[in-house]
Amino acid sequence: MGLTGRVALVSGGGRGIGRAIAIGLASDGASVAVNYRKDKVAALETVRMIESLELAPAKAYQASIDDFEADKAMVEQVVEDFGFVDILINNAGIASRGNSVADTDPAEIERVWRTHAFGAFALSKLVLPSMRTCARGDIIMISSTATRLWGQNSSPYNIAKAGLEGLAWGLAKEERDNGIHVNIVSPGLVDTDMGRRLVKGAMGVDDIHALDDRSPFGRVCSPEDVSDVIRYLVSDSAAYLQGQKIEVDGGR
């Protein structure tokens, strides 16, 4: 897709969808800053996989994105290391615990919201100064088909993803004149650690691929399916796309 010379920061980039995105962007030539919260080993493995491509550098950065000061320190270090950030992928996320509103601890609302919505706000705010100096900028919010389905027993997650999308719509209007594209990608069920835990907890399914025969196109969505959409959105092929939401669920 021709991303040579660009610099991407991928939150939650060590595993799952984030890893696929980081590797996909690197495959197109971008340098990649891989954010992680706890799993340093996974983040360093993502960096190793990128470096094996021998196309552009990569480096891992620790920060819990619900912590503004940690985000600030991370972004400052990324900009010092790479010069700027012109692609931000707000991917980091956590699941809620599957309780009804009546049984949900208010602290869970805060915890999930801060990770999905506040974290994306903080990182977007912090990268904008350097991004505005670039010929083009891209901010992608990784949301979920939860904002269309609005499932029960999932209020913390629903609220958090709705807030994330609200951030995207406003930011797209604010930053368009600065050459910054803001778009949303919303996966359905994806073959990740979180997806596997979800189907085991909700459906008692130990192997997520047991759902292949009832999934669109005969398979569960892969992290690479999501990554490929993002690679397109940040490329020159999507130069006139702004404020869009694309669902990656096979049309389910």
C-alpha atoms as a PDB file:
ATOM      1  CA  MET A   1       0.000   0.000   0.000  1.00  0.00           C
ATOM      2  CA  GLY A   2       3.043   2.302   0.021  1.00  0.00           C
ATOM      3  CA  LEU A   3       3.551   3.489   3.621  1.00  0.00           C
ATOM      4  CA  THR A   4       7.300   3.946   3.443  1.00  0.00           C
ATOM      5  CA  GLY A   5       8.350   6.944   5.519  1.00  0.00           C
ATOM      6  CA  ARG A   6       5.260   6.895   7.713  1.00  0.00           C
ATOM      7  CA  VAL A   7       5.186   6.133  11.438  1.00  0.00           C
ATOM      8  CA  ALA A   8       2.380   4.201  13.127  1.00  0.00           C
ATOM      9  CA  LEU A   9       1.555   3.898  16.815  1.00  0.00           C
ATOM     10  CA  VAL A  10      -0.625   0.846  17.522  1.00  0.00           C
ATOM     11  CA  SER A  11      -2.133   0.623  20.996  1.00  0.00           C
ATOM     12  CA  GLY A  12      -2.512  -2.924  22.253  1.00  0.00           C
ATOM     13  CA  GLY A  13      -0.177  -3.957  19.451  1.00  0.00           C
ATOM     14  CA  GLY A  14       1.399  -6.972  21.077  1.00  0.00           C
ATOM     15  CA  ARG A  15      -1.262  -9.589  20.406  1.00  0.00           C
ATOM     16  CA  GLY A  16      -4.372 -10.412  18.421  1.00  0.00           C
ATOM     17  CA  ILE A  17      -5.825  -7.745  16.141  1.00  0.00           C
ATOM     18  CA  GLY A  18      -3.171  -5.234  17.241  1.00  0.00           C
ATOM     19  CA  ARG A  19      -0.331  -7.545  16.251  1.00  0.00           C
ATOM     20  CA  ALA A  20      -1.896  -8.196  12.852  1.00  0.00           C
ATOM     21  CA  ILE A  21      -2.318  -4.460  12.299  1.00  0.00           C
ATOM     22  CA  ALA A  22       1.261  -3.690  13.346  1.00  0.00           C
ATOM     23  CA  ILE A  23       2.669  -6.363  11.029  1.00  0.00           C
ATOM     24  CA  GLY A  24       0.365  -5.341   8.192  1.00  0.00           C
ATOM     25  CA  LEU A  25       1.396  -1.685   8.361  1.00  0.00           C
ATOM     26  CA  ALA A  26       5.054  -2.701   8.576  1.00  0.00           C
ATOM     27  CA  SER A  27       4.592  -4.933   5.526  1.00  0.00           C
ATOM     28  CA  ASP A  28       3.565  -1.793   3.640  1.00  0.00           C
ATOM     29  CA  GLY A  29       6.701   0.025   4.782  1.00  0.00           C
ATOM     30  CA  ALA A  30       5.639   1.927   7.910  1.00  0.00           C
ATOM     31  CA  SER A  31       7.784   2.169  11.022  1.00  0.00           C
ATOM     32  CA  VAL A  32       5.749   0.895  13.969  1.00  0.00           C
ATOM     33  CA  ALA A  33       5.591   1.749  17.667  1.00  0.00           C
ATOM     34  CA  VAL A  34       4.012  -1.236  19.422  1.00  0.00           C
ATOM     35  CA  ASN A  35       2.226  -0.285  22.637  1.00  0.00           C
ATOM     36  CA  TYR A  36       1.564  -2.846  25.345  1.00  0.00           C
ATOM     37  CA  ARG A  37       0.229  -2.727  28.900  1.00  0.00           C
ATOM     38  CA  LYS A  38       1.589  -5.875  30.598  1.00  0.00           C
ATOM     39  CA  ASP A  39       2.669  -8.508  28.087  1.00  0.00           C
ATOM     40  CA  LYS A  40       6.167  -7.339  27.184  1.00  0.00           C
ATOM     41  CA  VAL A  41       7.098 -10.745  25.793  1.00  0.00           C
ATOM     42  CA  ALA A  42       4.258 -10.626  23.245  1.00  0.00           C
ATOM     43  CA  ALA A  43       5.088  -7.038  22.267  1.00  0.00           C
ATOM     44  CA  LEU A  44       8.743  -7.884  21.727  1.00  0.00           C
ATOM     45  CA  GLU A  45       7.709 -10.862  19.596  1.00  0.00           C
ATOM     46  CA  THR A  46       5.617  -8.517  17.443  1.00  0.00           C
ATOM     47  CA  VAL A  47       8.659  -6.260  17.077  1.00  0.00           C
ATOM     48  CA  ARG A  48      10.797  -9.256  16.142  1.00  0.00           C
ATOM     49  CA  MET A  49       8.286 -10.312  13.480  1.00  0.00           C
ATOM     50  CA  ILE A  50       8.292  -6.800  12.029  1.00  0.00           C
ATOM     51  CA  GLU A  51      12.075  -6.585  12.035  1.00  0.00           C
ATOM     52  CA  SER A  52      12.263  -9.893  10.198  1.00  0.00           C
ATOM     53  CA  LEU A  53      10.548  -8.178   7.251  1.00  0.00           C
ATOM     54  CA  GLU A  54      13.596  -5.902   6.945  1.00  0.00           C
ATOM     55  CA  LEU A  55      11.481  -3.020   5.681  1.00  0.00           C
ATOM     56  CA  ALA A  56      11.282  -0.523   8.558  1.00  0.00           C
ATOM     57  CA  PRO A  57      12.134  -0.289  12.262  1.00  0.00           C
ATOM     58  CA  ALA A  58       9.839  -1.137  15.151  1.00  0.00           C
ATOM     59  CA  LYS A  59      10.006  -0.685  18.906  1.00  0.00           C
ATOM     60  CA  ALA A  60       7.849  -1.685  21.884  1.00  0.00           C
ATOM     61  CA  TYR A  61       6.537   0.887  24.378  1.00  0.00           C
ATOM     62  CA  GLN A  62       4.868   0.170  27.703  1.00  0.00           C
ATOM     63  CA  ALA A  63       1.926   2.289  28.820  1.00  0.00           C
ATOM     64  CA  SER A  64      -1.492   1.599  30.272  1.00  0.00           C
ATOM     65  CA  ILE A  65      -3.540   3.794  27.973  1.00  0.00           C
ATOM     66  CA  ASP A  66      -6.113   4.638  30.656  1.00  0.00           C
ATOM     67  CA  ASP A  67      -3.335   6.669  32.350  1.00  0.00           C
ATOM     68  CA  PHE A  68      -2.878  10.083  30.685  1.00  0.00           C
ATOM     69  CA  GLU A  69       0.580  10.714  32.136  1.00  0.00           C
ATOM     70  CA  ALA A  70       1.784   7.294  30.952  1.00  0.00           C
ATOM     71  CA  ASP A  71       0.346   8.034  27.503  1.00  0.00           C
ATOM     72  CA  LYS A  72       2.075  11.398  27.428  1.00  0.00           C
ATOM     73  CA  ALA A  73       5.443   9.907  28.318  1.00  0.00           C
ATOM     74  CA  MET A  74       5.016   7.179  25.707  1.00  0.00           C
ATOM     75  CA  VAL A  75       4.042   9.518  22.867  1.00  0.00           C
ATOM     76  CA  GLU A  76       6.908  11.869  23.704  1.00  0.00           C
ATOM     77  CA  GLN A  77       9.332   8.935  23.529  1.00  0.00           C
ATOM     78  CA  VAL A  78       7.870   7.679  20.236  1.00  0.00           C
ATOM     79  CA  VAL A  79       8.187  11.140  18.692  1.00  0.00           C
ATOM     80  CA  GLU A  80      11.743  11.429  19.999  1.00  0.00           C
ATOM     81  CA  ASP A  81      12.603   8.029  18.503  1.00  0.00           C
ATOM     82  CA  PHE A  82      10.821   8.348  15.150  1.00  0.00           C
ATOM     83  CA  GLY A  83      10.329  12.100  14.659  1.00  0.00           C
ATOM     84  CA  PHE A  84       6.527  12.099  14.460  1.00  0.00           C
ATOM     85  CA  VAL A  85       3.432   9.912  14.449  1.00  0.00           C
ATOM     86  CA  ASP A  86       1.223  10.143  11.373  1.00  0.00           C
ATOM     87  CA  ILE A  87      -0.808   6.935  11.853  1.00  0.00           C
ATOM     88  CA  LEU A  88      -2.551   6.175  15.151  1.00  0.00           C
ATOM     89  CA  ILE A  89      -4.478   2.941  15.633  1.00  0.00           C
ATOM     90  CA  ASN A  90      -6.620   3.063  18.776  1.00  0.00           C
ATOM     91  CA  ASN A  91      -6.927  -0.681  19.204  1.00  0.00           C
ATOM     92  CA  ALA A  92      -6.334  -1.453  22.898  1.00  0.00           C
ATOM     93  CA  GLY A  93      -9.410  -2.839  24.589  1.00  0.00           C
ATOM     94  CA  ILE A  94     -10.766  -5.054  27.318  1.00  0.00           C
ATOM     95  CA  ALA A  95     -13.998  -7.018  27.700  1.00  0.00           C
ATOM     96  CA  SER A  96     -16.718  -6.417  30.249  1.00  0.00           C
ATOM     97  CA  ARG A  97     -17.801  -9.191  32.597  1.00  0.00           C
ATOM     98  CA  GLY A  98     -21.167 -10.122  31.152  1.00  0.00           C
ATOM     99  CA  ASN A  99     -23.400  -8.820  33.947  1.00  0.00           C
ATOM    100  CA  SER A 100     -26.741  -7.049  33.764  1.00  0.00           C
ATOM    101  CA  VAL A 101     -26.935  -3.367  34.670  1.00  0.00           C
ATOM    102  CA  ALA A 102     -28.413  -4.343  38.035  1.00  0.00           C
ATOM    103  CA  ASP A 103     -25.405  -6.533  38.801  1.00  0.00           C
ATOM    104  CA  THR A 104     -22.617  -4.370  37.343  1.00  0.00           C
ATOM    105  CA  ASP A 105     -20.138  -2.760  39.686  1.00  0.00           C
ATOM    106  CA  PRO A 106     -19.880   0.964  38.797  1.00  0.00           C
ATOM    107  CA  ALA A 107     -16.101   0.587  38.917  1.00  0.00           C
ATOM    108  CA  GLU A 108     -16.331  -1.692  35.900  1.00  0.00           C
ATOM    109  CA  ILE A 109     -17.974   1.063  33.845  1.00  0.00           C
ATOM    110  CA  GLU A 110     -15.051   3.330  34.712  1.00  0.00           C
ATOM    111  CA  ARG A 111     -12.439   0.659  33.973  1.00  0.00           C
ATOM    112  CA  VAL A 112     -13.816  -0.332  30.559  1.00  0.00           C
ATOM    113  CA  TRP A 113     -14.681   3.210  29.490  1.00  0.00           C
ATOM    114  CA  ARG A 114     -11.244   4.532  30.390  1.00  0.00           C
ATOM    115  CA  THR A 115      -9.526   1.840  28.351  1.00  0.00           C
ATOM    116  CA  HIS A 116     -11.619   2.180  25.200  1.00  0.00           C
ATOM    117  CA  ALA A 117     -12.830   5.777  25.096  1.00  0.00           C
ATOM    118  CA  PHE A 118     -10.576   7.817  27.385  1.00  0.00           C
ATOM    119  CA  GLY A 119      -7.445   6.024  26.197  1.00  0.00           C
ATOM    120  CA  ALA A 120      -8.298   6.767  22.569  1.00  0.00           C
ATOM    121  CA  PHE A 121      -9.018  10.401  23.458  1.00  0.00           C
ATOM    122  CA  ALA A 122      -5.703  10.730  25.274  1.00  0.00           C
ATOM    123  CA  LEU A 123      -3.604   9.198  22.503  1.00  0.00           C
ATOM    124  CA  SER A 124      -5.405  11.171  19.792  1.00  0.00           C
ATOM    125  CA  LYS A 125      -4.868  14.426  21.684  1.00  0.00           C
ATOM    126  CA  LEU A 126      -1.221  13.662  22.288  1.00  0.00           C
ATOM    127  CA  VAL A 127      -0.279  12.695  18.717  1.00  0.00           C
ATOM    128  CA  LEU A 128      -2.078  15.612  17.045  1.00  0.00           C
ATOM    129  CA  PRO A 129       0.756  18.167  17.395  1.00  0.00           C
ATOM    130  CA  SER A 130       3.215  16.028  15.429  1.00  0.00           C
ATOM    131  CA  MET A 131       0.546  14.616  13.111  1.00  0.00           C
ATOM    132  CA  ARG A 132      -0.513  18.099  12.046  1.00  0.00           C
ATOM    133  CA  THR A 133       3.015  18.745  10.743  1.00  0.00           C
ATOM    134  CA  CYS A 134       2.770  15.800   8.318  1.00  0.00           C
ATOM    135  CA  ALA A 135       1.429  15.761   4.789  1.00  0.00           C
ATOM    136  CA  ARG A 136      -1.259  13.328   5.886  1.00  0.00           C
ATOM    137  CA  GLY A 137      -2.436  11.844   9.144  1.00  0.00           C
ATOM    138  CA  ASP A 138      -4.695   8.891   9.944  1.00  0.00           C
ATOM    139  CA  ILE A 139      -6.475   7.960  13.162  1.00  0.00           C
ATOM    140  CA  ILE A 140      -8.360   4.667  13.181  1.00  0.00           C
ATOM    141  CA  MET A 141     -10.685   3.684  16.022  1.00  0.00           C
ATOM    142  CA  ILE A 142     -11.194  -0.046  16.493  1.00  0.00           C
ATOM    143  CA  SER A 143     -14.803  -0.329  17.616  1.00  0.00           C
ATOM    144  CA  SER A 144     -17.150  -3.315  17.471  1.00  0.00           C
ATOM    145  CA  THR A 145     -20.402  -4.496  15.968  1.00  0.00           C
ATOM    146  CA  ALA A 146     -21.607  -4.217  19.582  1.00  0.00           C
ATOM    147  CA  THR A 147     -22.617  -0.651  18.690  1.00  0.00           C
ATOM    148  CA  ARG A 148     -25.116  -2.050  16.198  1.00  0.00           C
ATOM    149  CA  LEU A 149     -26.283  -5.086  18.162  1.00  0.00           C
ATOM    150  CA  TRP A 150     -26.428  -3.490  21.636  1.00  0.00           C
ATOM    151  CA  GLY A 151     -26.390  -6.843  23.392  1.00  0.00           C
ATOM    152  CA  GLN A 152     -27.703  -7.373  26.872  1.00  0.00           C
ATOM    153  CA  ASN A 153     -25.366  -7.967  29.819  1.00  0.00           C
ATOM    154  CA  SER A 154     -22.736  -5.824  28.111  1.00  0.00           C
ATOM    155  CA  SER A 155     -23.443  -2.251  29.184  1.00  0.00           C
ATOM    156  CA  PRO A 156     -19.844  -1.314  30.140  1.00  0.00           C
ATOM    157  CA  TYR A 157     -18.543  -2.466  26.758  1.00  0.00           C
ATOM    158  CA  ASN A 158     -21.464  -0.900  24.839  1.00  0.00           C
ATOM    159  CA  ILE A 159     -20.996   2.431  26.606  1.00  0.00           C
ATOM    160  CA  ALA A 160     -17.232   2.406  26.034  1.00  0.00           C
ATOM    161  CA  LYS A 161     -17.463   1.637  22.315  1.00  0.00           C
ATOM    162  CA  ALA A 162     -20.240   4.200  21.830  1.00  0.00           C
ATOM    163  CA  GLY A 163     -17.966   6.799  23.434  1.00  0.00           C
ATOM    164  CA  LEU A 164     -15.106   5.766  21.170  1.00  0.00           C
ATOM    165  CA  GLU A 165     -17.259   6.262  18.084  1.00  0.00           C
ATOM    166  CA  GLY A 166     -18.520   9.617  19.352  1.00  0.00           C
ATOM    167  CA  LEU A 167     -14.911  10.721  19.675  1.00  0.00           C
ATOM    168  CA  ALA A 168     -14.237   9.655  16.085  1.00  0.00           C
ATOM    169  CA  TRP A 169     -17.172  11.525  14.544  1.00  0.00           C
ATOM    170  CA  GLY A 170     -16.225  14.823  16.190  1.00  0.00           C
ATOM    171  CA  LEU A 171     -12.500  14.432  15.609  1.00  0.00           C
ATOM    172  CA  ALA A 172     -13.058  13.744  11.902  1.00  0.00           C
ATOM    173  CA  LYS A 173     -14.706  17.148  11.523  1.00  0.00           C
ATOM    174  CA  GLU A 174     -12.169  18.973  13.673  1.00  0.00           C
ATOM    175  CA  GLU A 175      -9.062  17.653  11.908  1.00  0.00           C
ATOM    176  CA  ARG A 176     -10.123  17.361   8.271  1.00  0.00           C
ATOM    177  CA  ASP A 177      -8.641  20.749   7.377  1.00  0.00           C
ATOM    178  CA  ASN A 178      -5.356  19.586   8.878  1.00  0.00           C
ATOM    179  CA  GLY A 179      -5.200  16.686   6.425  1.00  0.00           C
ATOM    180  CA  ILE A 180      -6.024  14.117   9.104  1.00  0.00           C
ATOM    181  CA  HIS A 181      -8.373  11.249   8.258  1.00  0.00           C
ATOM    182  CA  VAL A 182     -10.402   9.709  11.087  1.00  0.00           C
ATOM    183  CA  ASN A 183     -12.307   6.477  10.482  1.00  0.00           C
ATOM    184  CA  ILE A 184     -13.802   3.583  12.437  1.00  0.00           C
ATOM    185  CA  VAL A 185     -13.338  -0.146  11.885  1.00  0.00           C
ATOM    186  CA  SER A 186     -15.828  -2.411  13.678  1.00  0.00           C
ATOM    187  CA  PRO A 187     -15.059  -6.133  13.769  1.00  0.00           C
ATOM    188  CA  GLY A 188     -17.499  -8.796  14.839  1.00  0.00           C
ATOM    189  CA  LEU A 189     -16.274 -12.019  16.417  1.00  0.00           C
ATOM    190  CA  VAL A 190     -12.548 -12.424  15.688  1.00  0.00           C
ATOM    191  CA  ASP A 191     -10.210 -15.338  16.345  1.00  0.00           C
ATOM    192  CA  THR A 192      -8.245 -13.716  19.189  1.00  0.00           C
ATOM    193  CA  ASP A 193      -7.690 -14.482  22.868  1.00  0.00           C
ATOM    194  CA  MET A 194     -10.652 -12.256  23.711  1.00  0.00           C
ATOM    195  CA  GLY A 195     -12.833 -13.862  21.051  1.00  0.00           C
ATOM    196  CA  ARG A 196     -11.962 -17.336  22.263  1.00  0.00           C
ATOM    197  CA  ARG A 197     -12.762 -16.401  25.866  1.00  0.00           C
ATOM    198  CA  LEU A 198     -16.040 -14.875  24.742  1.00  0.00           C
ATOM    199  CA  VAL A 199     -17.332 -17.964  22.941  1.00  0.00           C
ATOM    200  CA  LYS A 200     -16.194 -20.234  25.742  1.00  0.00           C
ATOM    201  CA  GLY A 201     -17.910 -18.147  28.403  1.00  0.00           C
ATOM    202  CA  ALA A 202     -21.081 -17.344  26.480  1.00  0.00           C
ATOM    203  CA  MET A 203     -21.533 -20.528  24.472  1.00  0.00           C
ATOM    204  CA  GLY A 204     -19.389 -23.185  26.156  1.00  0.00           C
ATOM    205  CA  VAL A 205     -17.372 -23.563  22.929  1.00  0.00           C
ATOM    206  CA  ASP A 206     -13.756 -24.571  23.554  1.00  0.00           C
ATOM    207  CA  ASP A 207     -12.599 -24.252  19.937  1.00  0.00           C
ATOM    208  CA  ILE A 208     -13.676 -21.048  18.205  1.00  0.00           C
ATOM    209  CA  HIS A 209     -13.288 -22.779  14.836  1.00  0.00           C
ATOM    210  CA  ALA A 210     -16.197 -25.024  15.750  1.00  0.00           C
ATOM    211  CA  LEU A 211     -18.183 -21.955  14.653  1.00  0.00           C
ATOM    212  CA  ASP A 212     -16.619 -21.876  11.176  1.00  0.00           C
ATOM    213  CA  ASP A 213     -19.457 -23.769   9.471  1.00  0.00           C
ATOM    214  CA  ARG A 214     -22.040 -21.266  10.715  1.00  0.00           C
ATOM    215  CA  SER A 215     -19.900 -18.186   9.997  1.00  0.00           C
ATOM    216  CA  PRO A 216     -19.908 -16.087   6.778  1.00  0.00           C
ATOM    217  CA  PHE A 217     -17.688 -17.584   4.075  1.00  0.00           C
ATOM    218  CA  GLY A 218     -17.240 -20.689   6.193  1.00  0.00           C
ATOM    219  CA  ARG A 219     -14.801 -19.282   8.747  1.00  0.00           C
ATOM    220  CA  VAL A 220     -14.520 -17.009  11.754  1.00  0.00           C
ATOM    221  CA  CYS A 221     -12.989 -13.595  11.057  1.00  0.00           C
ATOM    222  CA  SER A 222      -9.198 -13.497  11.420  1.00  0.00           C
ATOM    223  CA  PRO A 223      -7.086 -10.607  12.781  1.00  0.00           C
ATOM    224  CA  GLU A 224      -5.617 -10.249   9.292  1.00  0.00           C
ATOM    225  CA  ASP A 225      -9.102  -9.593   7.874  1.00  0.00           C
ATOM    226  CA  VAL A 226      -9.297  -6.543  10.130  1.00  0.00           C
ATOM    227  CA  SER A 227      -5.728  -5.490   9.424  1.00  0.00           C
ATOM    228  CA  ASP A 228      -6.289  -5.533   5.665  1.00  0.00           C
ATOM    229  CA  VAL A 229      -9.132  -3.006   5.973  1.00  0.00           C
ATOM    230  CA  ILE A 230      -6.930  -0.689   8.013  1.00  0.00           C
ATOM    231  CA  ARG A 231      -4.073  -0.997   5.538  1.00  0.00           C
ATOM    232  CA  TYR A 232      -6.466   0.235   2.873  1.00  0.00           C
ATOM    233  CA  LEU A 233      -7.883   3.084   4.972  1.00  0.00           C
ATOM    234  CA  VAL A 234      -4.469   4.613   5.704  1.00  0.00           C
ATOM    235  CA  SER A 235      -3.257   4.238   2.115  1.00  0.00           C
ATOM    236  CA  ASP A 236      -3.432   6.647  -0.804  1.00  0.00           C
ATOM    237  CA  SER A 237      -6.262   4.516  -2.181  1.00  0.00           C
ATOM    238  CA  ALA A 238      -8.477   5.917   0.590  1.00  0.00           C
ATOM    239  CA  ALA A 239      -7.403   9.528   0.158  1.00  0.00           C
ATOM    240  CA  TYR A 240     -10.990  10.814   0.058  1.00  0.00           C
ATOM    241  CA  LEU A 241     -12.467   8.746   2.886  1.00  0.00           C
ATOM    242  CA  GLN A 242     -13.255  10.544   6.113  1.00  0.00           C
ATOM    243  CA  GLY A 243     -15.605   9.918   9.025  1.00  0.00           C
ATOM    244  CA  GLN A 244     -16.554   6.428   7.835  1.00  0.00           C
ATOM    245  CA  LYS A 245     -17.394   3.267   9.762  1.00  0.00           C
ATOM    246  CA  ILE A 246     -16.646  -0.117   8.202  1.00  0.00           C
ATOM    247  CA  GLU A 247     -17.919  -3.325   9.792  1.00  0.00           C
ATOM    248  CA  VAL A 248     -15.722  -6.381   9.339  1.00  0.00           C
ATOM    249  CA  ASP A 249     -18.064  -9.254  10.095  1.00  0.00           C
ATOM    250  CA  GLY A 250     -18.582 -10.944   6.730  1.00  0.00           C
ATOM    251  CA  GLY A 251     -21.975  -9.274   6.364  1.00  0.00           C
ATOM    252  CA  ARG A 252     -23.325 -11.200   9.306  1.00  0.00           C
END
